[in-house]
Amino acid sequence: VSYEGITADYVGFAVEEVYITEILAVDGIKESYYVDDEIELNEVKVKVKYSNGETGWLPIKDDSRFTVDPTKFTTDGFTKVLIECKQDGYQDLFYSHGVEVKPNTYTVTVKLDGKGKAPETFEVTAGGSQAFDVAPENGWEVTGVTVNNKNATVEFKGNKVTVSNVQGDVTVTVTLTQMEYNVTLKVVGNGTVKLNGTSYPDGKTITVKHGGSLKVEATAGQGYEFVSIYDGEVTHKKDSVELYITGN
């Protein structure tokens, strides 16, 4: 080194190594996974602080200083992913990231409100969907479905129920309602007719649940006589009959 004719043969100086002093944050590790999922290490990077006060992001893939444990999740529940940084001659550094691990299958429990048959429980892949059939008893029909929480959506068409986007254990309630039928009174001649004790005029329509009883009583008017009661299939010669309704 020369300056204005003065030369120094030797100048001593020190080179200080810059090293990582702290792991500040992590990016690329999700907040939740499913059982058997793996962390994509090539997407993971960490924000670090250096000994000279600077900060920066580092990808950890193929960086021998960093290890991640675990990288694959085998059981459900809350777990911690530990990132470790080892540097020769310096203190080991650690960073912990909490992760929720969800089961990769969930249980759907089926309850029936009404009379019929359906599977009691079945398993559905996380995020998946599955349909099942309901077999109503004679005279019953599916009129609604509900799910007990927001972990799935449910709909029905006829007797087929579909559970979709299952994100947890759920209970599906299927509502079955007794069918109702129209019974229309037709009076030929003059007289009064009672249906279950109430007098109705010619042309009156009432509703009766499937299998429900209907007592029909006919009284002839002045100048008329009773002939028969016809229920659509059978002609009854008595002026008082009890019918069991299974259709319109």
C-alpha atoms as a PDB file:
ATOM      1  CA  VAL A   1       0.000   0.000   0.000  1.00  0.00           C
ATOM      2  CA  SER A   2       1.580   3.280  -1.114  1.00  0.00           C
ATOM      3  CA  TYR A   3       0.552   6.835  -0.330  1.00  0.00           C
ATOM      4  CA  GLU A   4       2.519   9.959  -1.189  1.00  0.00           C
ATOM      5  CA  GLY A   5       5.766   8.040  -1.374  1.00  0.00           C
ATOM      6  CA  ILE A   6       5.220   6.151   1.833  1.00  0.00           C
ATOM      7  CA  THR A   7       4.869   2.382   1.509  1.00  0.00           C
ATOM      8  CA  ALA A   8       3.632  -0.157   4.013  1.00  0.00           C
ATOM      9  CA  ASP A   9       4.749  -3.725   3.459  1.00  0.00           C
ATOM     10  CA  TYR A  10       1.973  -5.211   5.625  1.00  0.00           C
ATOM     11  CA  VAL A  11      -1.494  -4.087   6.675  1.00  0.00           C
ATOM     12  CA  GLY A  12      -3.355  -6.290   9.157  1.00  0.00           C
ATOM     13  CA  PHE A  13      -7.144  -6.581   9.136  1.00  0.00           C
ATOM     14  CA  ALA A  14      -9.790  -9.069  10.290  1.00  0.00           C
ATOM     15  CA  VAL A  15     -12.544 -10.692   8.217  1.00  0.00           C
ATOM     16  CA  GLU A  16     -15.588 -11.434  10.345  1.00  0.00           C
ATOM     17  CA  GLU A  17     -17.798 -14.334   9.229  1.00  0.00           C
ATOM     18  CA  VAL A  18     -21.472 -13.518   8.830  1.00  0.00           C
ATOM     19  CA  TYR A  19     -23.691 -16.239  10.335  1.00  0.00           C
ATOM     20  CA  ILE A  20     -27.348 -16.773  11.176  1.00  0.00           C
ATOM     21  CA  THR A  21     -28.327 -15.686  14.655  1.00  0.00           C
ATOM     22  CA  GLU A  22     -32.109 -16.238  14.610  1.00  0.00           C
ATOM     23  CA  ILE A  23     -34.939 -17.812  12.599  1.00  0.00           C
ATOM     24  CA  LEU A  24     -37.690 -15.221  12.500  1.00  0.00           C
ATOM     25  CA  ALA A  25     -40.471 -16.801  10.414  1.00  0.00           C
ATOM     26  CA  VAL A  26     -41.328 -19.645   8.059  1.00  0.00           C
ATOM     27  CA  ASP A  27     -43.272 -19.668   4.797  1.00  0.00           C
ATOM     28  CA  GLY A  28     -44.538 -22.651   2.806  1.00  0.00           C
ATOM     29  CA  ILE A  29     -45.766 -24.783   5.715  1.00  0.00           C
ATOM     30  CA  LYS A  30     -49.563 -24.793   5.859  1.00  0.00           C
ATOM     31  CA  GLU A  31     -51.671 -24.404   8.981  1.00  0.00           C
ATOM     32  CA  SER A  32     -53.422 -27.757   8.437  1.00  0.00           C
ATOM     33  CA  TYR A  33     -52.786 -31.080   6.725  1.00  0.00           C
ATOM     34  CA  TYR A  34     -54.455 -34.471   6.463  1.00  0.00           C
ATOM     35  CA  VAL A  35     -53.013 -37.728   7.746  1.00  0.00           C
ATOM     36  CA  ASP A  36     -50.433 -39.095   5.241  1.00  0.00           C
ATOM     37  CA  ASP A  37     -49.837 -35.629   3.761  1.00  0.00           C
ATOM     38  CA  GLU A  38     -46.230 -34.471   3.330  1.00  0.00           C
ATOM     39  CA  ILE A  39     -44.644 -31.029   3.544  1.00  0.00           C
ATOM     40  CA  GLU A  40     -43.374 -29.845   0.170  1.00  0.00           C
ATOM     41  CA  LEU A  41     -39.861 -28.887   1.204  1.00  0.00           C
ATOM     42  CA  ASN A  42     -39.112 -27.150  -2.084  1.00  0.00           C
ATOM     43  CA  GLU A  43     -41.821 -24.618  -1.166  1.00  0.00           C
ATOM     44  CA  VAL A  44     -40.494 -23.901   2.324  1.00  0.00           C
ATOM     45  CA  LYS A  45     -38.314 -20.914   3.116  1.00  0.00           C
ATOM     46  CA  VAL A  46     -37.314 -19.220   6.339  1.00  0.00           C
ATOM     47  CA  LYS A  47     -36.699 -15.628   7.276  1.00  0.00           C
ATOM     48  CA  VAL A  48     -33.419 -15.328   9.153  1.00  0.00           C
ATOM     49  CA  LYS A  49     -31.426 -12.662  10.936  1.00  0.00           C
ATOM     50  CA  TYR A  50     -27.665 -12.463  10.398  1.00  0.00           C
ATOM     51  CA  SER A  51     -24.889 -11.461  12.748  1.00  0.00           C
ATOM     52  CA  ASN A  52     -24.426  -8.199  10.850  1.00  0.00           C
ATOM     53  CA  GLY A  53     -28.040  -7.208  11.623  1.00  0.00           C
ATOM     54  CA  GLU A  54     -29.428  -7.866   8.158  1.00  0.00           C
ATOM     55  CA  THR A  55     -32.430 -10.144   7.474  1.00  0.00           C
ATOM     56  CA  GLY A  56     -33.473 -12.196   4.479  1.00  0.00           C
ATOM     57  CA  TRP A  57     -35.401 -15.217   3.223  1.00  0.00           C
ATOM     58  CA  LEU A  58     -33.638 -18.530   2.565  1.00  0.00           C
ATOM     59  CA  PRO A  59     -34.990 -21.600   0.781  1.00  0.00           C
ATOM     60  CA  ILE A  60     -34.154 -24.652   2.896  1.00  0.00           C
ATOM     61  CA  LYS A  61     -34.298 -27.238   0.121  1.00  0.00           C
ATOM     62  CA  ASP A  62     -30.788 -28.716  -0.300  1.00  0.00           C
ATOM     63  CA  ASP A  63     -29.395 -26.403   2.412  1.00  0.00           C
ATOM     64  CA  SER A  64     -27.500 -28.797   4.683  1.00  0.00           C
ATOM     65  CA  ARG A  65     -27.773 -26.438   7.637  1.00  0.00           C
ATOM     66  CA  PHE A  66     -31.534 -26.938   7.945  1.00  0.00           C
ATOM     67  CA  THR A  67     -33.626 -29.954   8.945  1.00  0.00           C
ATOM     68  CA  VAL A  68     -37.424 -30.223   9.243  1.00  0.00           C
ATOM     69  CA  ASP A  69     -39.175 -32.724  11.522  1.00  0.00           C
ATOM     70  CA  PRO A  70     -41.645 -34.176  10.771  1.00  0.00           C
ATOM     71  CA  THR A  71     -42.048 -33.912   7.013  1.00  0.00           C
ATOM     72  CA  LYS A  72     -44.914 -36.447   6.849  1.00  0.00           C
ATOM     73  CA  PHE A  73     -47.914 -36.701   9.180  1.00  0.00           C
ATOM     74  CA  THR A  74     -49.017 -40.146  10.334  1.00  0.00           C
ATOM     75  CA  THR A  75     -51.551 -39.326  13.070  1.00  0.00           C
ATOM     76  CA  ASP A  76     -54.231 -36.692  13.457  1.00  0.00           C
ATOM     77  CA  GLY A  77     -54.229 -33.954  16.087  1.00  0.00           C
ATOM     78  CA  PHE A  78     -52.233 -30.812  16.774  1.00  0.00           C
ATOM     79  CA  THR A  79     -48.508 -31.197  16.227  1.00  0.00           C
ATOM     80  CA  LYS A  80     -45.449 -28.985  15.953  1.00  0.00           C
ATOM     81  CA  VAL A  81     -43.064 -28.914  13.016  1.00  0.00           C
ATOM     82  CA  LEU A  82     -39.551 -28.188  14.253  1.00  0.00           C
ATOM     83  CA  ILE A  83     -37.059 -26.425  11.988  1.00  0.00           C
ATOM     84  CA  GLU A  84     -33.446 -26.707  13.125  1.00  0.00           C
ATOM     85  CA  CYS A  85     -30.408 -24.811  11.859  1.00  0.00           C
ATOM     86  CA  LYS A  86     -26.904 -26.076  12.615  1.00  0.00           C
ATOM     87  CA  GLN A  87     -23.814 -24.011  11.834  1.00  0.00           C
ATOM     88  CA  ASP A  88     -20.286 -25.147  12.617  1.00  0.00           C
ATOM     89  CA  GLY A  89     -18.923 -23.260  15.565  1.00  0.00           C
ATOM     90  CA  TYR A  90     -22.186 -21.523  16.377  1.00  0.00           C
ATOM     91  CA  GLN A  91     -25.220 -22.219  18.516  1.00  0.00           C
ATOM     92  CA  ASP A  92     -27.965 -24.447  17.059  1.00  0.00           C
ATOM     93  CA  LEU A  93     -31.128 -22.525  16.189  1.00  0.00           C
ATOM     94  CA  PHE A  94     -34.719 -23.766  16.392  1.00  0.00           C
ATOM     95  CA  TYR A  95     -38.094 -22.586  15.122  1.00  0.00           C
ATOM     96  CA  SER A  96     -41.450 -24.262  15.908  1.00  0.00           C
ATOM     97  CA  HIS A  97     -44.545 -24.073  13.696  1.00  0.00           C
ATOM     98  CA  GLY A  98     -47.912 -25.427  14.892  1.00  0.00           C
ATOM     99  CA  VAL A  99     -49.901 -27.591  12.459  1.00  0.00           C
ATOM    100  CA  GLU A 100     -53.374 -29.160  12.678  1.00  0.00           C
ATOM    101  CA  VAL A 101     -53.445 -32.667  11.221  1.00  0.00           C
ATOM    102  CA  LYS A 102     -56.935 -33.816  10.224  1.00  0.00           C
ATOM    103  CA  PRO A 103     -58.068 -37.412   9.746  1.00  0.00           C
ATOM    104  CA  ASN A 104     -58.134 -38.474   6.101  1.00  0.00           C
ATOM    105  CA  THR A 105     -61.524 -40.135   6.610  1.00  0.00           C
ATOM    106  CA  TYR A 106     -64.550 -39.057   8.593  1.00  0.00           C
ATOM    107  CA  THR A 107     -67.618 -40.827   9.942  1.00  0.00           C
ATOM    108  CA  VAL A 108     -71.110 -39.944   8.732  1.00  0.00           C
ATOM    109  CA  THR A 109     -73.874 -41.021  11.135  1.00  0.00           C
ATOM    110  CA  VAL A 110     -77.412 -41.266   9.759  1.00  0.00           C
ATOM    111  CA  LYS A 111     -80.510 -40.716  11.887  1.00  0.00           C
ATOM    112  CA  LEU A 112     -84.077 -41.177  10.633  1.00  0.00           C
ATOM    113  CA  ASP A 113     -86.930 -38.987  11.840  1.00  0.00           C
ATOM    114  CA  GLY A 114     -89.822 -41.130  10.670  1.00  0.00           C
ATOM    115  CA  LYS A 115     -90.196 -44.715   9.506  1.00  0.00           C
ATOM    116  CA  GLY A 116     -87.716 -46.231   7.080  1.00  0.00           C
ATOM    117  CA  LYS A 117     -84.279 -47.787   6.733  1.00  0.00           C
ATOM    118  CA  ALA A 118     -80.844 -46.362   5.872  1.00  0.00           C
ATOM    119  CA  PRO A 119     -77.188 -47.151   6.663  1.00  0.00           C
ATOM    120  CA  GLU A 120     -76.386 -46.224  10.255  1.00  0.00           C
ATOM    121  CA  THR A 121     -72.793 -45.057   9.609  1.00  0.00           C
ATOM    122  CA  PHE A 122     -70.223 -44.964   6.816  1.00  0.00           C
ATOM    123  CA  GLU A 123     -66.784 -43.480   6.167  1.00  0.00           C
ATOM    124  CA  VAL A 124     -66.035 -40.668   3.700  1.00  0.00           C
ATOM    125  CA  THR A 125     -62.651 -39.467   2.502  1.00  0.00           C
ATOM    126  CA  ALA A 126     -61.782 -35.991   3.775  1.00  0.00           C
ATOM    127  CA  GLY A 127     -63.262 -33.405   1.421  1.00  0.00           C
ATOM    128  CA  GLY A 128     -65.126 -36.101  -0.494  1.00  0.00           C
ATOM    129  CA  SER A 129     -68.778 -36.946  -1.053  1.00  0.00           C
ATOM    130  CA  GLN A 130     -70.968 -40.030  -0.935  1.00  0.00           C
ATOM    131  CA  ALA A 131     -74.589 -40.876  -1.639  1.00  0.00           C
ATOM    132  CA  PHE A 132     -76.791 -43.348   0.202  1.00  0.00           C
ATOM    133  CA  ASP A 133     -80.311 -44.664  -0.275  1.00  0.00           C
ATOM    134  CA  VAL A 134     -83.206 -44.384   2.148  1.00  0.00           C
ATOM    135  CA  ALA A 135     -85.955 -47.022   2.052  1.00  0.00           C
ATOM    136  CA  PRO A 136     -89.119 -45.439   3.499  1.00  0.00           C
ATOM    137  CA  GLU A 137     -91.750 -47.728   4.944  1.00  0.00           C
ATOM    138  CA  ASN A 138     -94.916 -48.087   2.930  1.00  0.00           C
ATOM    139  CA  GLY A 139     -96.794 -44.814   3.021  1.00  0.00           C
ATOM    140  CA  TRP A 140     -93.802 -42.706   4.050  1.00  0.00           C
ATOM    141  CA  GLU A 141     -91.598 -40.429   1.960  1.00  0.00           C
ATOM    142  CA  VAL A 142     -88.367 -38.438   2.385  1.00  0.00           C
ATOM    143  CA  THR A 143     -89.241 -34.772   2.851  1.00  0.00           C
ATOM    144  CA  GLY A 144     -86.015 -33.227   4.167  1.00  0.00           C
ATOM    145  CA  VAL A 145     -82.394 -33.700   5.230  1.00  0.00           C
ATOM    146  CA  THR A 146     -80.201 -31.696   7.616  1.00  0.00           C
ATOM    147  CA  VAL A 147     -76.612 -31.900   8.856  1.00  0.00           C
ATOM    148  CA  ASN A 148     -75.630 -31.104  12.450  1.00  0.00           C
ATOM    149  CA  ASN A 149     -72.696 -28.773  11.693  1.00  0.00           C
ATOM    150  CA  LYS A 150     -70.818 -26.984   8.929  1.00  0.00           C
ATOM    151  CA  ASN A 151     -68.448 -29.870   8.241  1.00  0.00           C
ATOM    152  CA  ALA A 152     -70.488 -31.008   5.222  1.00  0.00           C
ATOM    153  CA  THR A 153     -73.347 -30.131   2.905  1.00  0.00           C
ATOM    154  CA  VAL A 154     -76.277 -32.433   2.236  1.00  0.00           C
ATOM    155  CA  GLU A 155     -79.102 -32.677  -0.293  1.00  0.00           C
ATOM    156  CA  PHE A 156     -81.648 -35.251  -1.434  1.00  0.00           C
ATOM    157  CA  LYS A 157     -83.474 -36.214  -4.581  1.00  0.00           C
ATOM    158  CA  GLY A 158     -86.237 -38.731  -4.125  1.00  0.00           C
ATOM    159  CA  ASN A 159     -84.884 -41.399  -1.779  1.00  0.00           C
ATOM    160  CA  LYS A 160     -81.199 -40.711  -2.517  1.00  0.00           C
ATOM    161  CA  VAL A 161     -79.249 -38.507  -0.093  1.00  0.00           C
ATOM    162  CA  THR A 162     -75.839 -37.050  -0.991  1.00  0.00           C
ATOM    163  CA  VAL A 163     -73.314 -35.798   1.572  1.00  0.00           C
ATOM    164  CA  SER A 164     -70.612 -33.542   0.067  1.00  0.00           C
ATOM    165  CA  ASN A 165     -67.418 -31.714   1.066  1.00  0.00           C
ATOM    166  CA  VAL A 166     -67.023 -33.699   4.273  1.00  0.00           C
ATOM    167  CA  GLN A 167     -64.511 -31.939   6.549  1.00  0.00           C
ATOM    168  CA  GLY A 168     -65.261 -33.712   9.832  1.00  0.00           C
ATOM    169  CA  ASP A 169     -67.518 -36.214  11.584  1.00  0.00           C
ATOM    170  CA  VAL A 170     -71.154 -35.308  10.936  1.00  0.00           C
ATOM    171  CA  THR A 171     -74.653 -36.519  11.731  1.00  0.00           C
ATOM    172  CA  VAL A 172     -77.208 -36.410   8.920  1.00  0.00           C
ATOM    173  CA  THR A 173     -80.878 -36.407   9.905  1.00  0.00           C
ATOM    174  CA  VAL A 174     -83.349 -37.621   7.292  1.00  0.00           C
ATOM    175  CA  THR A 175     -86.949 -36.555   7.824  1.00  0.00           C
ATOM    176  CA  LEU A 176     -89.656 -38.927   6.583  1.00  0.00           C
ATOM    177  CA  THR A 177     -93.294 -37.899   6.540  1.00  0.00           C
ATOM    178  CA  GLN A 178     -96.405 -39.987   6.222  1.00  0.00           C
ATOM    179  CA  MET A 179     -97.993 -39.570   2.825  1.00  0.00           C
ATOM    180  CA  GLU A 180    -101.353 -37.844   2.720  1.00  0.00           C
ATOM    181  CA  TYR A 181    -104.063 -38.716   0.222  1.00  0.00           C
ATOM    182  CA  ASN A 182    -107.019 -36.815  -1.149  1.00  0.00           C
ATOM    183  CA  VAL A 183    -110.419 -38.313  -0.467  1.00  0.00           C
ATOM    184  CA  THR A 184    -113.203 -36.689  -2.497  1.00  0.00           C
ATOM    185  CA  LEU A 185    -116.822 -37.250  -1.564  1.00  0.00           C
ATOM    186  CA  LYS A 186    -119.377 -37.809  -4.317  1.00  0.00           C
ATOM    187  CA  VAL A 187    -123.037 -38.013  -3.280  1.00  0.00           C
ATOM    188  CA  VAL A 188    -125.472 -39.491  -5.812  1.00  0.00           C
ATOM    189  CA  GLY A 189    -129.008 -38.651  -4.763  1.00  0.00           C
ATOM    190  CA  ASN A 190    -130.217 -36.781  -1.702  1.00  0.00           C
ATOM    191  CA  GLY A 191    -128.947 -37.326   1.810  1.00  0.00           C
ATOM    192  CA  THR A 192    -126.146 -36.569   4.240  1.00  0.00           C
ATOM    193  CA  VAL A 193    -122.724 -38.177   4.478  1.00  0.00           C
ATOM    194  CA  LYS A 194    -120.373 -37.993   7.436  1.00  0.00           C
ATOM    195  CA  LEU A 195    -116.640 -38.614   7.177  1.00  0.00           C
ATOM    196  CA  ASN A 196    -115.189 -39.388  10.617  1.00  0.00           C
ATOM    197  CA  GLY A 197    -118.235 -37.819  12.217  1.00  0.00           C
ATOM    198  CA  THR A 198    -118.344 -34.596  10.199  1.00  0.00           C
ATOM    199  CA  SER A 199    -120.964 -33.927   7.527  1.00  0.00           C
ATOM    200  CA  TYR A 200    -119.569 -32.857   4.158  1.00  0.00           C
ATOM    201  CA  PRO A 201    -121.295 -31.739   0.946  1.00  0.00           C
ATOM    202  CA  ASP A 202    -120.988 -33.371  -2.445  1.00  0.00           C
ATOM    203  CA  GLY A 203    -117.597 -32.624  -4.035  1.00  0.00           C
ATOM    204  CA  LYS A 204    -115.765 -31.992  -0.749  1.00  0.00           C
ATOM    205  CA  THR A 205    -112.121 -33.177  -0.610  1.00  0.00           C
ATOM    206  CA  ILE A 206    -110.329 -33.979   2.629  1.00  0.00           C
ATOM    207  CA  THR A 207    -106.855 -35.387   3.311  1.00  0.00           C
ATOM    208  CA  VAL A 208    -106.050 -38.572   5.219  1.00  0.00           C
ATOM    209  CA  LYS A 209    -102.626 -39.933   6.183  1.00  0.00           C
ATOM    210  CA  HIS A 210    -101.471 -43.217   4.711  1.00  0.00           C
ATOM    211  CA  GLY A 211    -103.171 -46.119   6.495  1.00  0.00           C
ATOM    212  CA  GLY A 212    -105.449 -43.767   8.365  1.00  0.00           C
ATOM    213  CA  SER A 213    -109.012 -44.881   9.073  1.00  0.00           C
ATOM    214  CA  LEU A 214    -111.987 -43.129   7.547  1.00  0.00           C
ATOM    215  CA  LYS A 215    -115.462 -43.875   8.830  1.00  0.00           C
ATOM    216  CA  VAL A 216    -118.136 -43.191   6.221  1.00  0.00           C
ATOM    217  CA  GLU A 217    -121.761 -42.884   7.343  1.00  0.00           C
ATOM    218  CA  ALA A 218    -124.596 -42.264   4.879  1.00  0.00           C
ATOM    219  CA  THR A 219    -128.152 -41.188   5.711  1.00  0.00           C
ATOM    220  CA  ALA A 220    -130.760 -41.027   2.938  1.00  0.00           C
ATOM    221  CA  GLY A 221    -132.754 -37.856   2.526  1.00  0.00           C
ATOM    222  CA  GLN A 222    -136.526 -37.600   2.405  1.00  0.00           C
ATOM    223  CA  GLY A 223    -137.886 -39.659  -0.454  1.00  0.00           C
ATOM    224  CA  TYR A 224    -134.578 -41.506  -0.935  1.00  0.00           C
ATOM    225  CA  GLU A 225    -133.160 -44.753   0.334  1.00  0.00           C
ATOM    226  CA  PHE A 226    -129.587 -45.843   0.906  1.00  0.00           C
ATOM    227  CA  VAL A 227    -128.125 -48.048  -1.846  1.00  0.00           C
ATOM    228  CA  SER A 228    -124.350 -48.418  -1.378  1.00  0.00           C
ATOM    229  CA  ILE A 229    -120.977 -46.910  -0.556  1.00  0.00           C
ATOM    230  CA  TYR A 230    -118.340 -47.416  -3.253  1.00  0.00           C
ATOM    231  CA  ASP A 231    -114.706 -46.791  -2.275  1.00  0.00           C
ATOM    232  CA  GLY A 232    -113.209 -47.101  -5.753  1.00  0.00           C
ATOM    233  CA  GLU A 233    -112.674 -50.838  -5.502  1.00  0.00           C
ATOM    234  CA  VAL A 234    -115.388 -52.367  -3.322  1.00  0.00           C
ATOM    235  CA  THR A 235    -119.137 -51.713  -3.178  1.00  0.00           C
ATOM    236  CA  HIS A 236    -120.384 -51.778   0.406  1.00  0.00           C
ATOM    237  CA  LYS A 237    -124.057 -52.452   1.080  1.00  0.00           C
ATOM    238  CA  LYS A 238    -123.911 -51.144   4.626  1.00  0.00           C
ATOM    239  CA  ASP A 239    -124.620 -47.475   5.275  1.00  0.00           C
ATOM    240  CA  SER A 240    -121.675 -47.239   7.683  1.00  0.00           C
ATOM    241  CA  VAL A 241    -118.210 -48.536   6.794  1.00  0.00           C
ATOM    242  CA  GLU A 242    -114.668 -47.968   8.007  1.00  0.00           C
ATOM    243  CA  LEU A 243    -112.040 -47.626   5.298  1.00  0.00           C
ATOM    244  CA  TYR A 244    -108.241 -47.604   5.565  1.00  0.00           C
ATOM    245  CA  ILE A 245    -106.775 -45.153   3.111  1.00  0.00           C
ATOM    246  CA  THR A 246    -103.678 -46.113   1.079  1.00  0.00           C
ATOM    247  CA  GLY A 247    -104.141 -43.859  -1.928  1.00  0.00           C
ATOM    248  CA  ASN A 248    -106.120 -41.006  -3.395  1.00  0.00           C
END
